[in-house]
Amino acid sequence: MIPGYRLEGHALVSADECIAAADGAMPPELYCEADWRRFQAALDDSILVVVGRLSHAARPNVRGRRRMVVSSSASGIEQRADAWWWNPSAATLAEALAAAAPEGGRVGITGGRAVFDLFARLGFDAFDLARARRVRLPGGVPIFSGLGGAVDAAAVLKGSGLGRASTEILDAEADVVLDRWLRGA
């Protein structure tokens, strides 16, 4: 945890804990309007949104949010025309946050998998994990690397120091629920 910042992950997964189909794209059946509204509001309240390079390329920053792209192509921390770029092997998270959002505040971490894996190691302060329990994505992209057997997303979040604080039904008809994970819960 970095003083002055609150690191919050956000993801919607299928019943088999995938964030995307086998082709790497989010299929329409994984979309949930209630989750989308909640997610957008959380990002609107964030001082900075952290994404992976592929997510950045696939989803233009139409709302003009301050964005930091995690990529090995950056030479540390770079401010480019489209976003801040950060290479975690060349600069620390504290250095990247101090450059991109020196005023501190909430940081929304939206993935993909490599970004979620990175922050599972670095530490989240909170994670909103929505689950579409009727959707299965065989061969899809899991939210975290190494899932399977006894290792599920809950185990990764617990291993990152988080505890499940609450569960909320986002869409009863579509069977989409949100688990809120918090540090120290």
N, C-alpha and C. Protein backbone atom coordinates (compact mmCIF):
# COMPACT_ATOMS: atom_id res chain seq x y z
N MET A 1 0.81 -1.15 0.00
CA MET A 1 0.00 0.00 0.00
C MET A 1 0.88 1.25 0.00
N ILE A 2 0.44 2.21 -0.72
CA ILE A 2 1.22 3.43 -0.88
C ILE A 2 0.43 4.57 -0.24
N PRO A 3 1.01 5.22 0.76
CA PRO A 3 0.29 6.30 1.45
C PRO A 3 -0.23 7.35 0.46
N GLY A 4 -1.48 7.75 0.67
CA GLY A 4 -2.10 8.77 -0.17
C GLY A 4 -2.85 8.22 -1.36
N TYR A 5 -2.73 6.91 -1.62
CA TYR A 5 -3.40 6.29 -2.76
C TYR A 5 -4.25 5.13 -2.29
N ARG A 6 -5.36 4.91 -2.98
CA ARG A 6 -6.23 3.76 -2.72
C ARG A 6 -6.32 2.97 -4.02
N LEU A 7 -5.75 1.78 -4.06
CA LEU A 7 -5.66 0.96 -5.25
C LEU A 7 -6.86 0.02 -5.31
N GLU A 8 -7.75 0.25 -6.29
CA GLU A 8 -9.00 -0.49 -6.39
C GLU A 8 -9.11 -1.21 -7.73
N GLY A 9 -9.19 -2.54 -7.67
CA GLY A 9 -9.38 -3.34 -8.87
C GLY A 9 -10.85 -3.46 -9.21
N HIS A 10 -11.14 -3.62 -10.50
CA HIS A 10 -12.51 -3.77 -10.99
C HIS A 10 -12.53 -4.79 -12.11
N ALA A 11 -13.39 -5.80 -11.99
CA ALA A 11 -13.52 -6.79 -13.07
C ALA A 11 -14.90 -7.42 -13.05
N LEU A 12 -15.34 -7.81 -14.23
CA LEU A 12 -16.53 -8.64 -14.42
C LEU A 12 -16.04 -9.93 -15.04
N VAL A 13 -16.34 -11.06 -14.38
CA VAL A 13 -15.89 -12.35 -14.87
C VAL A 13 -17.08 -13.26 -15.14
N SER A 14 -16.81 -14.29 -15.91
CA SER A 14 -17.80 -15.34 -16.16
C SER A 14 -17.82 -16.30 -14.97
N ALA A 15 -18.71 -17.27 -15.02
CA ALA A 15 -18.79 -18.28 -13.95
C ALA A 15 -17.47 -19.05 -13.83
N ASP A 16 -16.75 -19.19 -14.94
CA ASP A 16 -15.47 -19.88 -14.92
C ASP A 16 -14.29 -18.90 -14.80
N GLU A 17 -14.58 -17.71 -14.27
CA GLU A 17 -13.59 -16.70 -13.88
C GLU A 17 -12.75 -16.14 -15.03
N CYS A 18 -13.39 -16.00 -16.19
CA CYS A 18 -12.71 -15.42 -17.35
C CYS A 18 -13.16 -13.97 -17.57
N ILE A 19 -12.20 -13.13 -17.96
CA ILE A 19 -12.50 -11.73 -18.27
C ILE A 19 -12.71 -11.51 -19.76
N ALA A 20 -12.40 -12.54 -20.55
CA ALA A 20 -12.54 -12.44 -22.00
C ALA A 20 -12.69 -13.84 -22.58
N ALA A 21 -13.19 -13.90 -23.80
CA ALA A 21 -13.31 -15.16 -24.52
C ALA A 21 -11.92 -15.59 -25.01
N ALA A 22 -11.86 -16.74 -25.66
CA ALA A 22 -10.59 -17.28 -26.14
C ALA A 22 -9.87 -16.34 -27.09
N ASP A 23 -10.62 -15.50 -27.82
CA ASP A 23 -10.00 -14.56 -28.76
C ASP A 23 -9.48 -13.30 -28.07
N GLY A 24 -9.65 -13.20 -26.74
CA GLY A 24 -9.18 -12.04 -26.00
C GLY A 24 -10.16 -10.90 -25.90
N ALA A 25 -11.31 -11.03 -26.56
CA ALA A 25 -12.32 -9.97 -26.54
C ALA A 25 -13.39 -10.28 -25.50
N MET A 26 -14.00 -9.24 -24.97
CA MET A 26 -15.11 -9.42 -24.04
C MET A 26 -16.37 -9.69 -24.86
N PRO A 27 -16.97 -10.87 -24.71
CA PRO A 27 -18.16 -11.19 -25.50
C PRO A 27 -19.38 -10.46 -24.96
N PRO A 28 -20.37 -10.20 -25.83
CA PRO A 28 -21.56 -9.46 -25.40
C PRO A 28 -22.31 -10.13 -24.25
N GLU A 29 -22.28 -11.46 -24.16
CA GLU A 29 -23.01 -12.13 -23.08
C GLU A 29 -22.41 -11.86 -21.71
N LEU A 30 -21.20 -11.33 -21.66
CA LEU A 30 -20.59 -10.98 -20.37
C LEU A 30 -20.96 -9.56 -19.92
N TYR A 31 -21.58 -8.79 -20.80
CA TYR A 31 -21.97 -7.42 -20.48
C TYR A 31 -23.17 -7.39 -19.53
N CYS A 32 -23.11 -6.50 -18.55
CA CYS A 32 -24.22 -6.29 -17.61
C CYS A 32 -24.37 -4.78 -17.41
N GLU A 33 -25.51 -4.23 -17.77
CA GLU A 33 -25.74 -2.79 -17.69
C GLU A 33 -25.54 -2.25 -16.27
N ALA A 34 -26.05 -2.94 -15.26
CA ALA A 34 -25.91 -2.46 -13.88
C ALA A 34 -24.44 -2.43 -13.46
N ASP A 35 -23.69 -3.45 -13.86
CA ASP A 35 -22.26 -3.45 -13.54
C ASP A 35 -21.55 -2.35 -14.30
N TRP A 36 -21.91 -2.14 -15.56
CA TRP A 36 -21.28 -1.11 -16.38
C TRP A 36 -21.46 0.29 -15.75
N ARG A 37 -22.67 0.59 -15.29
CA ARG A 37 -22.93 1.89 -14.66
C ARG A 37 -22.10 2.05 -13.38
N ARG A 38 -22.07 0.99 -12.56
CA ARG A 38 -21.30 1.03 -11.31
C ARG A 38 -19.81 1.20 -11.61
N PHE A 39 -19.32 0.46 -12.57
CA PHE A 39 -17.92 0.51 -12.99
C PHE A 39 -17.54 1.90 -13.49
N GLN A 40 -18.37 2.47 -14.36
CA GLN A 40 -18.07 3.81 -14.90
C GLN A 40 -18.07 4.86 -13.79
N ALA A 41 -19.00 4.76 -12.86
CA ALA A 41 -19.03 5.71 -11.73
C ALA A 41 -17.77 5.60 -10.89
N ALA A 42 -17.30 4.37 -10.67
CA ALA A 42 -16.06 4.18 -9.90
C ALA A 42 -14.87 4.79 -10.63
N LEU A 43 -14.81 4.63 -11.94
CA LEU A 43 -13.70 5.21 -12.70
C LEU A 43 -13.80 6.73 -12.74
N ASP A 44 -15.03 7.26 -12.79
CA ASP A 44 -15.20 8.71 -12.74
C ASP A 44 -14.67 9.29 -11.43
N ASP A 45 -14.75 8.50 -10.36
CA ASP A 45 -14.27 8.94 -9.04
C ASP A 45 -12.78 8.68 -8.83
N SER A 46 -12.12 8.09 -9.83
CA SER A 46 -10.69 7.77 -9.72
C SER A 46 -9.84 8.89 -10.29
N ILE A 47 -8.73 9.14 -9.65
CA ILE A 47 -7.79 10.15 -10.12
C ILE A 47 -6.97 9.63 -11.31
N LEU A 48 -6.87 8.29 -11.38
CA LEU A 48 -6.05 7.64 -12.41
C LEU A 48 -6.64 6.26 -12.68
N VAL A 49 -6.63 5.85 -13.96
CA VAL A 49 -7.09 4.51 -14.34
C VAL A 49 -5.89 3.77 -14.93
N VAL A 50 -5.63 2.57 -14.41
CA VAL A 50 -4.49 1.76 -14.84
C VAL A 50 -4.99 0.63 -15.72
N VAL A 51 -4.42 0.52 -16.92
CA VAL A 51 -4.80 -0.51 -17.89
C VAL A 51 -3.55 -1.12 -18.50
N GLY A 52 -3.72 -2.29 -19.10
CA GLY A 52 -2.66 -2.90 -19.87
C GLY A 52 -2.62 -2.32 -21.27
N ARG A 53 -1.54 -2.59 -21.98
CA ARG A 53 -1.35 -2.05 -23.33
C ARG A 53 -2.44 -2.51 -24.28
N LEU A 54 -2.81 -3.79 -24.22
CA LEU A 54 -3.84 -4.29 -25.14
C LEU A 54 -5.20 -3.69 -24.83
N SER A 55 -5.53 -3.55 -23.55
CA SER A 55 -6.80 -2.91 -23.16
C SER A 55 -6.82 -1.46 -23.61
N HIS A 56 -5.69 -0.79 -23.47
CA HIS A 56 -5.59 0.61 -23.90
C HIS A 56 -5.84 0.73 -25.40
N ALA A 57 -5.23 -0.18 -26.17
CA ALA A 57 -5.40 -0.14 -27.63
C ALA A 57 -6.82 -0.49 -28.04
N ALA A 58 -7.46 -1.41 -27.32
CA ALA A 58 -8.80 -1.88 -27.69
C ALA A 58 -9.91 -0.91 -27.28
N ARG A 59 -9.66 -0.14 -26.21
CA ARG A 59 -10.71 0.75 -25.69
C ARG A 59 -10.19 2.18 -25.61
N PRO A 60 -10.50 2.98 -26.61
CA PRO A 60 -10.06 4.38 -26.59
C PRO A 60 -10.58 5.11 -25.35
N ASN A 61 -9.84 6.06 -24.90
CA ASN A 61 -10.17 6.83 -23.69
C ASN A 61 -11.15 7.94 -24.04
N VAL A 62 -12.37 7.57 -24.40
CA VAL A 62 -13.36 8.54 -24.88
C VAL A 62 -13.81 9.52 -23.79
N ARG A 63 -13.69 9.14 -22.54
CA ARG A 63 -14.09 10.04 -21.45
C ARG A 63 -12.96 10.95 -20.99
N GLY A 64 -11.79 10.78 -21.58
CA GLY A 64 -10.67 11.65 -21.26
C GLY A 64 -10.13 11.50 -19.85
N ARG A 65 -10.27 10.32 -19.28
CA ARG A 65 -9.74 10.08 -17.93
C ARG A 65 -8.21 10.03 -17.97
N ARG A 66 -7.60 10.40 -16.85
CA ARG A 66 -6.16 10.26 -16.73
C ARG A 66 -5.86 8.76 -16.68
N ARG A 67 -4.99 8.31 -17.55
CA ARG A 67 -4.75 6.89 -17.73
C ARG A 67 -3.27 6.59 -17.63
N MET A 68 -2.97 5.42 -17.04
CA MET A 68 -1.60 4.90 -17.02
C MET A 68 -1.61 3.52 -17.65
N VAL A 69 -0.78 3.33 -18.67
CA VAL A 69 -0.70 2.08 -19.41
C VAL A 69 0.52 1.31 -18.92
N VAL A 70 0.29 0.08 -18.49
CA VAL A 70 1.38 -0.78 -18.05
C VAL A 70 1.93 -1.49 -19.27
N SER A 71 3.23 -1.28 -19.55
CA SER A 71 3.81 -1.86 -20.76
C SER A 71 5.32 -1.97 -20.64
N SER A 72 5.85 -3.08 -21.11
CA SER A 72 7.31 -3.24 -21.13
C SER A 72 7.95 -2.38 -22.20
N SER A 73 7.15 -1.76 -23.07
CA SER A 73 7.72 -0.89 -24.11
C SER A 73 8.08 0.50 -23.57
N ALA A 74 7.64 0.82 -22.37
CA ALA A 74 8.00 2.11 -21.77
C ALA A 74 9.40 2.00 -21.17
N SER A 75 10.10 3.12 -21.14
CA SER A 75 11.45 3.12 -20.57
C SER A 75 11.43 3.65 -19.15
N GLY A 76 10.53 3.15 -18.36
CA GLY A 76 10.35 3.62 -16.98
C GLY A 76 8.97 4.23 -16.87
N ILE A 77 8.94 5.56 -16.72
CA ILE A 77 7.67 6.30 -16.67
C ILE A 77 7.75 7.36 -17.75
N GLU A 78 6.78 7.35 -18.65
CA GLU A 78 6.77 8.32 -19.76
C GLU A 78 5.40 8.95 -19.87
N GLN A 79 5.38 10.23 -20.09
CA GLN A 79 4.12 10.88 -20.42
C GLN A 79 4.06 11.01 -21.93
N ARG A 80 3.15 10.26 -22.53
CA ARG A 80 2.95 10.31 -23.97
C ARG A 80 1.66 11.09 -24.24
N ALA A 81 1.37 11.36 -25.48
CA ALA A 81 0.19 12.15 -25.84
C ALA A 81 -1.11 11.49 -25.40
N ASP A 82 -1.15 10.16 -25.37
CA ASP A 82 -2.39 9.46 -25.08
C ASP A 82 -2.54 9.03 -23.62
N ALA A 83 -1.45 9.00 -22.85
CA ALA A 83 -1.51 8.50 -21.47
C ALA A 83 -0.12 8.55 -20.85
N TRP A 84 -0.08 8.27 -19.55
CA TRP A 84 1.18 7.96 -18.89
C TRP A 84 1.47 6.49 -19.18
N TRP A 85 2.72 6.17 -19.42
CA TRP A 85 3.14 4.79 -19.68
C TRP A 85 4.14 4.40 -18.59
N TRP A 86 3.99 3.17 -18.08
CA TRP A 86 4.83 2.71 -16.98
C TRP A 86 5.31 1.29 -17.22
N ASN A 87 6.61 1.10 -17.09
CA ASN A 87 7.22 -0.22 -17.15
C ASN A 87 7.60 -0.62 -15.73
N PRO A 88 6.89 -1.56 -15.11
CA PRO A 88 7.15 -1.94 -13.71
C PRO A 88 8.55 -2.50 -13.47
N SER A 89 9.22 -2.98 -14.51
CA SER A 89 10.57 -3.49 -14.30
C SER A 89 11.61 -2.37 -14.32
N ALA A 90 11.19 -1.16 -14.67
CA ALA A 90 12.13 -0.04 -14.75
C ALA A 90 11.83 1.08 -13.75
N ALA A 91 10.68 1.03 -13.10
CA ALA A 91 10.31 2.05 -12.11
C ALA A 91 9.30 1.44 -11.14
N THR A 92 9.32 1.91 -9.92
CA THR A 92 8.40 1.39 -8.91
C THR A 92 6.99 1.96 -9.11
N LEU A 93 6.03 1.30 -8.50
CA LEU A 93 4.66 1.81 -8.52
C LEU A 93 4.60 3.17 -7.85
N ALA A 94 5.29 3.33 -6.74
CA ALA A 94 5.28 4.63 -6.04
C ALA A 94 5.80 5.73 -6.95
N GLU A 95 6.85 5.45 -7.70
CA GLU A 95 7.39 6.44 -8.64
C GLU A 95 6.39 6.76 -9.74
N ALA A 96 5.74 5.71 -10.27
CA ALA A 96 4.77 5.92 -11.34
C ALA A 96 3.58 6.74 -10.87
N LEU A 97 3.07 6.43 -9.67
CA LEU A 97 1.93 7.19 -9.14
C LEU A 97 2.32 8.63 -8.84
N ALA A 98 3.50 8.84 -8.30
CA ALA A 98 3.96 10.20 -8.00
C ALA A 98 4.06 11.04 -9.28
N ALA A 99 4.42 10.42 -10.39
CA ALA A 99 4.52 11.14 -11.66
C ALA A 99 3.14 11.39 -12.27
N ALA A 100 2.31 10.34 -12.31
CA ALA A 100 1.03 10.43 -13.03
C ALA A 100 -0.08 11.07 -12.21
N ALA A 101 -0.03 10.94 -10.90
CA ALA A 101 -1.10 11.47 -10.03
C ALA A 101 -0.49 11.95 -8.71
N PRO A 102 0.31 13.00 -8.76
CA PRO A 102 1.03 13.43 -7.55
C PRO A 102 0.12 13.87 -6.41
N GLU A 103 -1.12 14.22 -6.72
CA GLU A 103 -2.05 14.67 -5.68
C GLU A 103 -2.63 13.52 -4.87
N GLY A 104 -2.40 12.28 -5.31
CA GLY A 104 -2.93 11.13 -4.60
C GLY A 104 -4.41 10.94 -4.86
N GLY A 105 -4.97 9.87 -4.32
CA GLY A 105 -6.39 9.58 -4.47
C GLY A 105 -6.64 8.16 -4.89
N ARG A 106 -7.85 7.92 -5.36
CA ARG A 106 -8.29 6.59 -5.77
C ARG A 106 -7.72 6.26 -7.15
N VAL A 107 -7.19 5.05 -7.29
CA VAL A 107 -6.64 4.57 -8.55
C VAL A 107 -7.45 3.35 -8.98
N GLY A 108 -8.11 3.43 -10.13
CA GLY A 108 -8.90 2.32 -10.65
C GLY A 108 -8.05 1.43 -11.53
N ILE A 109 -7.99 0.15 -11.19
CA ILE A 109 -7.17 -0.81 -11.93
C ILE A 109 -8.13 -1.73 -12.67
N THR A 110 -8.08 -1.68 -14.01
CA THR A 110 -9.10 -2.35 -14.81
C THR A 110 -8.59 -3.53 -15.64
N GLY A 111 -7.33 -3.88 -15.50
CA GLY A 111 -6.82 -5.08 -16.19
C GLY A 111 -6.17 -4.76 -17.50
N GLY A 112 -5.91 -5.78 -18.23
CA GLY A 112 -6.18 -7.18 -18.28
C GLY A 112 -5.44 -8.03 -17.26
N ARG A 113 -5.33 -9.31 -17.65
CA ARG A 113 -4.82 -10.31 -16.73
C ARG A 113 -3.43 -9.97 -16.21
N ALA A 114 -2.51 -9.56 -17.07
CA ALA A 114 -1.14 -9.24 -16.62
C ALA A 114 -1.15 -8.10 -15.60
N VAL A 115 -2.04 -7.14 -15.79
CA VAL A 115 -2.15 -6.02 -14.84
C VAL A 115 -2.74 -6.51 -13.52
N PHE A 116 -3.77 -7.36 -13.59
CA PHE A 116 -4.33 -7.93 -12.36
C PHE A 116 -3.30 -8.79 -11.63
N ASP A 117 -2.52 -9.57 -12.37
CA ASP A 117 -1.45 -10.38 -11.74
C ASP A 117 -0.43 -9.47 -11.04
N LEU A 118 -0.04 -8.40 -11.71
CA LEU A 118 0.94 -7.47 -11.15
C LEU A 118 0.43 -6.87 -9.84
N PHE A 119 -0.80 -6.39 -9.83
CA PHE A 119 -1.33 -5.75 -8.63
C PHE A 119 -1.69 -6.76 -7.54
N ALA A 120 -1.94 -8.01 -7.91
CA ALA A 120 -2.13 -9.04 -6.88
C ALA A 120 -0.83 -9.21 -6.08
N ARG A 121 0.30 -9.01 -6.75
CA ARG A 121 1.61 -9.07 -6.07
C ARG A 121 1.90 -7.77 -5.32
N LEU A 122 1.61 -6.63 -5.95
CA LEU A 122 1.92 -5.33 -5.34
C LEU A 122 0.95 -4.98 -4.21
N GLY A 123 -0.30 -5.40 -4.37
CA GLY A 123 -1.31 -5.17 -3.35
C GLY A 123 -2.43 -4.25 -3.80
N PHE A 124 -3.63 -4.74 -3.64
CA PHE A 124 -4.84 -3.93 -3.83
C PHE A 124 -5.29 -3.46 -2.45
N ASP A 125 -5.97 -2.33 -2.40
CA ASP A 125 -6.68 -1.91 -1.18
C ASP A 125 -8.11 -2.41 -1.21
N ALA A 126 -8.63 -2.59 -2.42
CA ALA A 126 -10.00 -3.08 -2.60
C ALA A 126 -10.11 -3.70 -3.98
N PHE A 127 -11.09 -4.57 -4.14
CA PHE A 127 -11.35 -5.17 -5.45
C PHE A 127 -12.84 -5.43 -5.57
N ASP A 128 -13.46 -4.88 -6.61
CA ASP A 128 -14.86 -5.15 -6.92
C ASP A 128 -14.88 -6.23 -8.00
N LEU A 129 -15.31 -7.44 -7.60
CA LEU A 129 -15.34 -8.57 -8.52
C LEU A 129 -16.78 -8.95 -8.80
N ALA A 130 -17.26 -8.57 -9.99
CA ALA A 130 -18.60 -8.94 -10.42
C ALA A 130 -18.52 -10.26 -11.17
N ARG A 131 -19.55 -11.09 -10.99
CA ARG A 131 -19.55 -12.42 -11.60
C ARG A 131 -20.88 -12.65 -12.30
N ALA A 132 -20.81 -12.95 -13.60
CA ALA A 132 -21.99 -13.34 -14.38
C ALA A 132 -22.09 -14.86 -14.26
N ARG A 133 -22.90 -15.32 -13.33
CA ARG A 133 -22.88 -16.73 -12.95
C ARG A 133 -23.52 -17.67 -13.96
N ARG A 134 -24.18 -17.15 -14.97
CA ARG A 134 -24.78 -18.00 -16.01
C ARG A 134 -23.92 -18.06 -17.28
N VAL A 135 -22.85 -17.29 -17.32
CA VAL A 135 -22.01 -17.22 -18.52
C VAL A 135 -20.76 -18.07 -18.30
N ARG A 136 -20.46 -18.92 -19.27
CA ARG A 136 -19.23 -19.71 -19.24
C ARG A 136 -18.46 -19.38 -20.52
N LEU A 137 -17.14 -19.28 -20.39
CA LEU A 137 -16.29 -18.96 -21.53
C LEU A 137 -15.18 -20.01 -21.65
N PRO A 138 -15.51 -21.21 -22.15
CA PRO A 138 -14.50 -22.26 -22.28
C PRO A 138 -13.30 -21.78 -23.08
N GLY A 139 -12.11 -22.01 -22.56
CA GLY A 139 -10.89 -21.58 -23.24
C GLY A 139 -10.64 -20.09 -23.15
N GLY A 140 -11.42 -19.39 -22.32
CA GLY A 140 -11.30 -17.94 -22.20
C GLY A 140 -10.06 -17.51 -21.42
N VAL A 141 -9.94 -16.21 -21.22
CA VAL A 141 -8.80 -15.61 -20.52
C VAL A 141 -9.17 -15.45 -19.05
N PRO A 142 -8.55 -16.22 -18.14
CA PRO A 142 -8.85 -16.09 -16.72
C PRO A 142 -8.42 -14.73 -16.17
N ILE A 143 -9.08 -14.29 -15.13
CA ILE A 143 -8.75 -13.00 -14.53
C ILE A 143 -7.33 -12.97 -13.98
N PHE A 144 -6.87 -14.08 -13.41
CA PHE A 144 -5.51 -14.20 -12.89
C PHE A 144 -4.85 -15.41 -13.53
N SER A 145 -3.54 -15.39 -13.66
CA SER A 145 -2.79 -16.54 -14.14
C SER A 145 -2.84 -17.64 -13.09
N GLY A 146 -2.73 -18.88 -13.54
CA GLY A 146 -2.61 -20.00 -12.63
C GLY A 146 -3.88 -20.45 -11.94
N LEU A 147 -5.04 -20.02 -12.43
CA LEU A 147 -6.29 -20.47 -11.81
C LEU A 147 -6.58 -21.90 -12.20
N GLY A 148 -7.20 -22.62 -11.31
CA GLY A 148 -7.58 -24.00 -11.56
C GLY A 148 -7.33 -24.82 -10.31
N GLY A 149 -8.03 -25.93 -10.20
CA GLY A 149 -7.90 -26.75 -9.00
C GLY A 149 -8.34 -25.97 -7.78
N ALA A 150 -7.48 -25.92 -6.78
CA ALA A 150 -7.81 -25.22 -5.53
C ALA A 150 -7.59 -23.72 -5.62
N VAL A 151 -7.01 -23.26 -6.72
CA VAL A 151 -6.72 -21.83 -6.86
C VAL A 151 -7.81 -21.17 -7.70
N ASP A 152 -8.58 -20.28 -7.05
CA ASP A 152 -9.58 -19.50 -7.75
C ASP A 152 -9.33 -18.03 -7.47
N ALA A 153 -10.15 -17.16 -8.05
CA ALA A 153 -9.95 -15.72 -7.87
C ALA A 153 -10.02 -15.34 -6.40
N ALA A 154 -10.91 -15.97 -5.64
CA ALA A 154 -11.02 -15.68 -4.21
C ALA A 154 -9.71 -15.99 -3.49
N ALA A 155 -9.07 -17.11 -3.84
CA ALA A 155 -7.80 -17.47 -3.22
C ALA A 155 -6.71 -16.45 -3.54
N VAL A 156 -6.71 -15.96 -4.78
CA VAL A 156 -5.71 -14.94 -5.17
C VAL A 156 -5.95 -13.65 -4.38
N LEU A 157 -7.20 -13.23 -4.29
CA LEU A 157 -7.51 -12.00 -3.56
C LEU A 157 -7.19 -12.14 -2.08
N LYS A 158 -7.52 -13.30 -1.50
CA LYS A 158 -7.15 -13.55 -0.09
C LYS A 158 -5.64 -13.52 0.08
N GLY A 159 -4.92 -14.13 -0.86
CA GLY A 159 -3.46 -14.14 -0.81
C GLY A 159 -2.85 -12.76 -0.96
N SER A 160 -3.62 -11.84 -1.52
CA SER A 160 -3.19 -10.45 -1.68
C SER A 160 -3.55 -9.60 -0.46
N GLY A 161 -4.12 -10.26 0.56
CA GLY A 161 -4.44 -9.53 1.80
C GLY A 161 -5.85 -8.99 1.88
N LEU A 162 -6.71 -9.39 0.96
CA LEU A 162 -8.09 -8.89 0.97
C LEU A 162 -9.03 -9.93 1.57
N GLY A 163 -10.15 -9.45 2.08
CA GLY A 163 -11.20 -10.33 2.57
C GLY A 163 -12.52 -9.88 1.97
N ARG A 164 -13.42 -10.83 1.76
CA ARG A 164 -14.73 -10.48 1.20
C ARG A 164 -15.50 -9.68 2.24
N ALA A 165 -15.90 -8.48 1.88
CA ALA A 165 -16.58 -7.58 2.82
C ALA A 165 -18.09 -7.58 2.61
N SER A 166 -18.53 -7.75 1.36
CA SER A 166 -19.97 -7.73 1.08
C SER A 166 -20.26 -8.38 -0.26
N THR A 167 -21.51 -8.78 -0.44
CA THR A 167 -21.99 -9.31 -1.71
C THR A 167 -23.29 -8.60 -2.04
N GLU A 168 -23.42 -8.21 -3.30
CA GLU A 168 -24.60 -7.46 -3.75
C GLU A 168 -25.10 -8.06 -5.06
N ILE A 169 -26.39 -8.18 -5.21
CA ILE A 169 -26.96 -8.63 -6.48
C ILE A 169 -27.07 -7.42 -7.39
N LEU A 170 -26.40 -7.48 -8.53
CA LEU A 170 -26.45 -6.38 -9.49
C LEU A 170 -27.59 -6.55 -10.49
N ASP A 171 -27.84 -7.80 -10.89
CA ASP A 171 -28.90 -8.08 -11.85
C ASP A 171 -29.43 -9.48 -11.54
N ALA A 172 -30.57 -9.54 -10.86
CA ALA A 172 -31.13 -10.83 -10.45
C ALA A 172 -31.52 -11.68 -11.65
N GLU A 173 -32.09 -11.06 -12.67
CA GLU A 173 -32.54 -11.82 -13.84
C GLU A 173 -31.37 -12.46 -14.58
N ALA A 174 -30.28 -11.73 -14.72
CA ALA A 174 -29.09 -12.26 -15.41
C ALA A 174 -28.17 -13.01 -14.45
N ASP A 175 -28.46 -12.99 -13.16
CA ASP A 175 -27.66 -13.65 -12.13
C ASP A 175 -26.22 -13.11 -12.10
N VAL A 176 -26.13 -11.79 -11.95
CA VAL A 176 -24.83 -11.12 -11.82
C VAL A 176 -24.72 -10.58 -10.40
N VAL A 177 -23.67 -10.99 -9.71
CA VAL A 177 -23.44 -10.55 -8.33
C VAL A 177 -22.09 -9.85 -8.24
N LEU A 178 -21.98 -8.99 -7.25
CA LEU A 178 -20.75 -8.25 -7.00
C LEU A 178 -20.24 -8.60 -5.61
N ASP A 179 -19.01 -9.07 -5.54
CA ASP A 179 -18.33 -9.25 -4.27
C ASP A 179 -17.35 -8.11 -4.11
N ARG A 180 -17.45 -7.43 -2.96
CA ARG A 180 -16.52 -6.33 -2.63
C ARG A 180 -15.48 -6.88 -1.68
N TRP A 181 -14.23 -6.82 -2.11
CA TRP A 181 -13.10 -7.30 -1.32
C TRP A 181 -12.34 -6.10 -0.78
N LEU A 182 -11.99 -6.14 0.52
CA LEU A 182 -11.29 -5.02 1.15
C LEU A 182 -10.10 -5.52 1.95
N ARG A 183 -9.08 -4.71 2.03
CA ARG A 183 -7.92 -5.02 2.86
C ARG A 183 -8.38 -4.99 4.32
N GLY A 184 -8.03 -6.02 5.04
CA GLY A 184 -8.36 -6.08 6.45
C GLY A 184 -9.75 -6.55 6.78
N ALA A 185 -10.55 -6.90 5.75
CA ALA A 185 -11.93 -7.35 6.01
C ALA A 185 -11.93 -8.80 6.47
